[in-house]
Amino acid sequence: MPAGYSFRPRLWALALAAAACAAGIALGNWQARRADEKRALAGNEQRIAVYGEFLPERSVLLDNKIRGGHAGYEVVTPLRLAEGIHVLVNRGWVQAPPRREQLPEVATPRGRVRVEGVLLARLPQPLKLAEKNPGKVRQSLDLKGFAAETGLTLQAFVIEQHSPLDDGLLREWPRSDAGIEKHASYSLQWYSLAALAVVLVIVLSFRKA
């Protein structure tokens, strides 16, 4: 300790440092968990191939999907596997028309088709808004809610289609491990902030005797 100085922390400084340290650790832990979740998803990716017939009249357009800087929709359509058995397929992306009130024309192959893709537990839900009268365009789609709405018996998973079909849709999906490095970096930044709060309160608590 420097001569003529003593360690005399102020209560408000201790409280502020404790709060900043706790927040940094909590946020760092959250980002670390997100990185672990994405690692687990990348390691457990399951591929599937099924045969069935699309039900284009039940198609839904998920709004606010950006590809290459252009706004558009992801097209989700039920696929009839057998009588009374269906699965939702996220078929791909289509660009939005220039005018908001217009909807894109989506071609749907008729008859029995083969669909290959990746199993998803649910559709991504970046926005989950209450939609009293859901139409063709939606922000999100819940499996149980859509099954109740349509009366279809849906499998408890979604297929993210990767196989080509003559429908003009873009199937450039984000990699399953995308964002792991970002979450790890954010985690380190939050832990560093927590450590900085401790160091600062110690240094600033030394005052002249």
Protein backbone atom coordinates (compact mmCIF):
# COMPACT_ATOMS: atom_id res chain seq x y z
CA MET A 1 0.00 0.00 0.00
CA PRO A 2 1.41 3.46 -0.87
CA ALA A 3 2.61 5.54 2.09
CA GLY A 4 -0.02 7.92 3.41
CA TYR A 5 -2.92 5.99 1.85
CA SER A 6 -5.48 3.72 3.47
CA PHE A 7 -8.15 1.40 2.10
CA ARG A 8 -11.44 3.15 2.80
CA PRO A 9 -14.15 2.03 0.34
CA ARG A 10 -17.35 4.02 0.08
CA LEU A 11 -20.56 2.07 0.59
CA TRP A 12 -22.18 3.38 -2.57
CA ALA A 13 -19.08 2.41 -4.60
CA LEU A 14 -19.15 -1.11 -3.14
CA ALA A 15 -22.84 -1.46 -3.93
CA LEU A 16 -22.36 -0.20 -7.50
CA ALA A 17 -19.41 -2.50 -8.08
CA ALA A 18 -21.28 -5.49 -6.67
CA ALA A 19 -24.25 -4.79 -8.95
CA ALA A 20 -22.02 -4.38 -12.02
CA CYS A 21 -20.09 -7.54 -11.15
CA ALA A 22 -23.27 -9.59 -10.65
CA ALA A 23 -24.77 -8.29 -13.91
CA GLY A 24 -21.58 -9.03 -15.84
CA ILE A 25 -21.37 -12.58 -14.52
CA ALA A 26 -25.08 -13.25 -15.16
CA LEU A 27 -24.90 -11.94 -18.73
CA GLY A 28 -21.63 -13.77 -19.34
CA ASN A 29 -23.21 -17.03 -18.15
CA TRP A 30 -26.22 -16.45 -20.42
CA GLN A 31 -24.04 -15.90 -23.49
CA ALA A 32 -21.98 -18.99 -22.58
CA ARG A 33 -25.16 -21.08 -22.34
CA ARG A 34 -26.30 -19.82 -25.75
CA ALA A 35 -22.96 -20.89 -27.23
CA ASP A 36 -23.31 -24.34 -25.60
CA GLU A 37 -26.86 -24.70 -26.92
CA LYS A 38 -25.73 -23.97 -30.48
CA ARG A 39 -22.83 -26.42 -30.15
CA ALA A 40 -25.29 -29.08 -29.03
CA LEU A 41 -27.63 -28.33 -31.95
CA ALA A 42 -24.76 -28.50 -34.42
CA GLY A 43 -23.69 -31.85 -33.02
CA ASN A 44 -27.19 -33.34 -32.97
CA GLU A 45 -28.43 -32.27 -36.40
CA GLN A 46 -30.75 -34.95 -37.75
CA ARG A 47 -31.47 -35.33 -41.45
CA ILE A 48 -34.67 -36.84 -42.81
CA ALA A 49 -36.22 -37.80 -46.15
CA VAL A 50 -39.97 -38.26 -46.62
CA TYR A 51 -42.49 -38.66 -49.43
CA GLY A 52 -45.78 -36.83 -49.50
CA GLU A 53 -48.09 -34.32 -51.13
CA PHE A 54 -48.05 -30.60 -50.35
CA LEU A 55 -51.23 -28.78 -49.32
CA PRO A 56 -50.64 -25.35 -50.92
CA GLU A 57 -53.99 -23.97 -49.72
CA ARG A 58 -52.62 -24.26 -46.17
CA SER A 59 -49.35 -22.46 -46.91
CA VAL A 60 -48.22 -19.72 -44.51
CA LEU A 61 -45.74 -16.91 -45.21
CA LEU A 62 -43.43 -16.04 -42.32
CA ASP A 63 -42.74 -12.31 -42.53
CA ASN A 64 -39.58 -10.22 -42.04
CA LYS A 65 -37.09 -12.70 -43.51
CA ILE A 66 -34.02 -11.06 -45.05
CA ARG A 67 -31.74 -12.62 -47.67
CA GLY A 68 -28.97 -10.69 -49.37
CA GLY A 69 -30.36 -7.40 -48.09
CA HIS A 70 -33.82 -8.06 -49.58
CA ALA A 71 -37.03 -8.47 -47.58
CA GLY A 72 -39.11 -11.55 -48.11
CA TYR A 73 -40.95 -14.49 -46.63
CA GLU A 74 -40.25 -18.07 -45.67
CA VAL A 75 -42.87 -20.42 -47.11
CA VAL A 76 -44.21 -23.05 -44.71
CA THR A 77 -46.53 -25.70 -46.16
CA PRO A 78 -48.05 -28.87 -44.66
CA LEU A 79 -46.99 -32.09 -46.37
CA ARG A 80 -49.44 -35.02 -46.27
CA LEU A 81 -47.38 -38.14 -45.57
CA ALA A 82 -50.36 -40.48 -45.39
CA GLU A 83 -54.06 -40.25 -44.65
CA GLY A 84 -54.38 -38.23 -41.46
CA ILE A 85 -50.62 -37.71 -41.01
CA HIS A 86 -48.94 -34.40 -41.88
CA VAL A 87 -45.71 -32.54 -41.23
CA LEU A 88 -44.88 -28.86 -41.65
CA VAL A 89 -42.12 -28.10 -44.15
CA ASN A 90 -40.20 -24.83 -44.21
CA ARG A 91 -39.70 -24.90 -47.96
CA GLY A 92 -37.52 -21.83 -48.53
CA TRP A 93 -37.44 -18.08 -49.08
CA VAL A 94 -39.23 -15.89 -51.62
CA GLN A 95 -38.65 -12.18 -52.19
CA ALA A 96 -41.44 -9.77 -51.28
CA PRO A 97 -43.08 -7.73 -54.08
CA PRO A 98 -42.37 -3.97 -54.19
CA ARG A 99 -45.79 -3.13 -52.73
CA ARG A 100 -46.50 -4.34 -49.21
CA GLU A 101 -50.13 -5.23 -49.91
CA GLN A 102 -49.06 -7.63 -52.67
CA LEU A 103 -48.15 -11.21 -51.87
CA PRO A 104 -45.57 -13.21 -53.83
CA GLU A 105 -46.67 -15.98 -56.15
CA VAL A 106 -45.36 -19.28 -54.84
CA ALA A 107 -45.23 -22.32 -57.11
CA THR A 108 -46.00 -25.61 -55.38
CA PRO A 109 -45.22 -28.98 -57.03
CA ARG A 110 -48.31 -31.13 -57.44
CA GLY A 111 -48.51 -34.79 -56.68
CA ARG A 112 -46.18 -36.94 -54.63
CA VAL A 113 -42.73 -35.43 -54.00
CA ARG A 114 -39.60 -36.38 -52.08
CA VAL A 115 -38.47 -33.88 -49.44
CA GLU A 116 -35.08 -34.04 -47.77
CA GLY A 117 -34.02 -31.78 -44.97
CA VAL A 118 -33.17 -31.26 -41.33
CA LEU A 119 -35.43 -31.92 -38.36
CA LEU A 120 -36.33 -28.88 -36.24
CA ALA A 121 -38.17 -28.99 -32.92
CA ARG A 122 -40.04 -25.84 -33.95
CA LEU A 123 -39.90 -22.90 -36.32
CA PRO A 124 -37.68 -19.99 -35.26
CA GLN A 125 -39.73 -17.38 -33.38
CA PRO A 126 -37.84 -14.07 -33.30
CA LEU A 127 -41.18 -12.33 -32.75
CA LYS A 128 -44.05 -13.89 -30.88
CA LEU A 129 -47.01 -11.58 -31.22
CA ALA A 130 -50.60 -12.25 -30.37
CA GLU A 131 -52.43 -12.59 -33.68
CA LYS A 132 -56.18 -12.67 -33.13
CA ASN A 133 -57.12 -13.34 -36.74
CA PRO A 134 -54.05 -14.93 -38.32
CA GLY A 135 -54.03 -14.93 -42.09
CA LYS A 136 -51.58 -16.13 -44.69
CA VAL A 137 -48.81 -13.75 -43.53
CA ARG A 138 -47.62 -14.25 -39.95
CA GLN A 139 -44.74 -13.37 -37.69
CA SER A 140 -44.44 -16.87 -36.23
CA LEU A 141 -46.14 -20.24 -36.34
CA ASP A 142 -46.80 -22.53 -33.40
CA LEU A 143 -47.26 -26.24 -34.16
CA LYS A 144 -50.04 -26.91 -31.66
CA GLY A 145 -51.89 -23.71 -32.52
CA PHE A 146 -51.69 -24.36 -36.26
CA ALA A 147 -52.89 -27.95 -35.79
CA ALA A 148 -55.90 -26.73 -33.81
CA GLU A 149 -56.61 -24.02 -36.38
CA THR A 150 -56.47 -26.30 -39.44
CA GLY A 151 -57.63 -29.59 -37.95
CA LEU A 152 -54.54 -31.31 -39.34
CA THR A 153 -52.72 -33.99 -37.38
CA LEU A 154 -49.16 -32.64 -37.39
CA GLN A 155 -45.95 -34.38 -36.43
CA ALA A 156 -44.20 -32.82 -33.43
CA PHE A 157 -41.37 -31.44 -35.57
CA VAL A 158 -40.71 -29.29 -38.64
CA ILE A 159 -38.63 -30.16 -41.70
CA GLU A 160 -36.25 -27.50 -42.97
CA GLN A 161 -36.14 -28.45 -46.65
CA HIS A 162 -32.71 -28.76 -48.28
CA SER A 163 -33.54 -30.83 -51.37
CA PRO A 164 -34.21 -29.04 -54.68
CA LEU A 165 -37.70 -28.78 -56.14
CA ASP A 166 -39.03 -26.83 -59.10
CA ASP A 167 -40.62 -24.04 -57.04
CA GLY A 168 -38.22 -21.09 -57.41
CA LEU A 169 -37.60 -20.85 -53.66
CA LEU A 170 -34.22 -20.01 -52.17
CA ARG A 171 -32.95 -22.55 -49.66
CA GLU A 172 -29.87 -20.88 -48.18
CA TRP A 173 -30.30 -21.68 -44.50
CA PRO A 174 -28.06 -20.36 -41.71
CA ARG A 175 -25.50 -22.91 -40.54
CA SER A 176 -26.48 -24.69 -37.34
CA ASP A 177 -23.23 -23.57 -35.68
CA ALA A 178 -23.62 -19.94 -36.75
CA GLY A 179 -23.15 -17.48 -33.90
CA ILE A 180 -21.14 -19.72 -31.56
CA GLU A 181 -18.02 -17.53 -31.77
CA LYS A 182 -20.13 -14.39 -31.33
CA HIS A 183 -21.74 -15.69 -28.13
CA ALA A 184 -18.35 -16.82 -26.77
CA SER A 185 -16.91 -13.37 -27.49
CA TYR A 186 -19.83 -11.59 -25.79
CA SER A 187 -19.46 -13.93 -22.81
CA LEU A 188 -15.79 -12.97 -22.42
CA GLN A 189 -16.65 -9.26 -22.66
CA TRP A 190 -19.24 -9.51 -19.87
CA TYR A 191 -16.85 -11.44 -17.62
CA SER A 192 -14.20 -8.80 -18.30
CA LEU A 193 -16.65 -6.08 -17.30
CA ALA A 194 -17.33 -7.88 -14.00
CA ALA A 195 -13.60 -8.14 -13.31
CA LEU A 196 -13.08 -4.47 -14.22
CA ALA A 197 -15.75 -3.40 -11.72
CA VAL A 198 -13.90 -5.23 -8.93
CA VAL A 199 -10.52 -3.76 -9.91
CA LEU A 200 -11.88 -0.21 -10.12
CA VAL A 201 -13.57 -0.28 -6.73
CA ILE A 202 -10.36 -1.56 -5.12
CA VAL A 203 -8.16 1.05 -6.79
CA LEU A 204 -10.54 3.96 -6.08
CA SER A 205 -10.98 2.91 -2.47
CA PHE A 206 -7.39 3.88 -1.58
CA ARG A 207 -7.52 7.41 -0.18
CA LYS A 208 -5.09 9.66 1.61
CA ALA A 209 -5.08 9.06 5.33
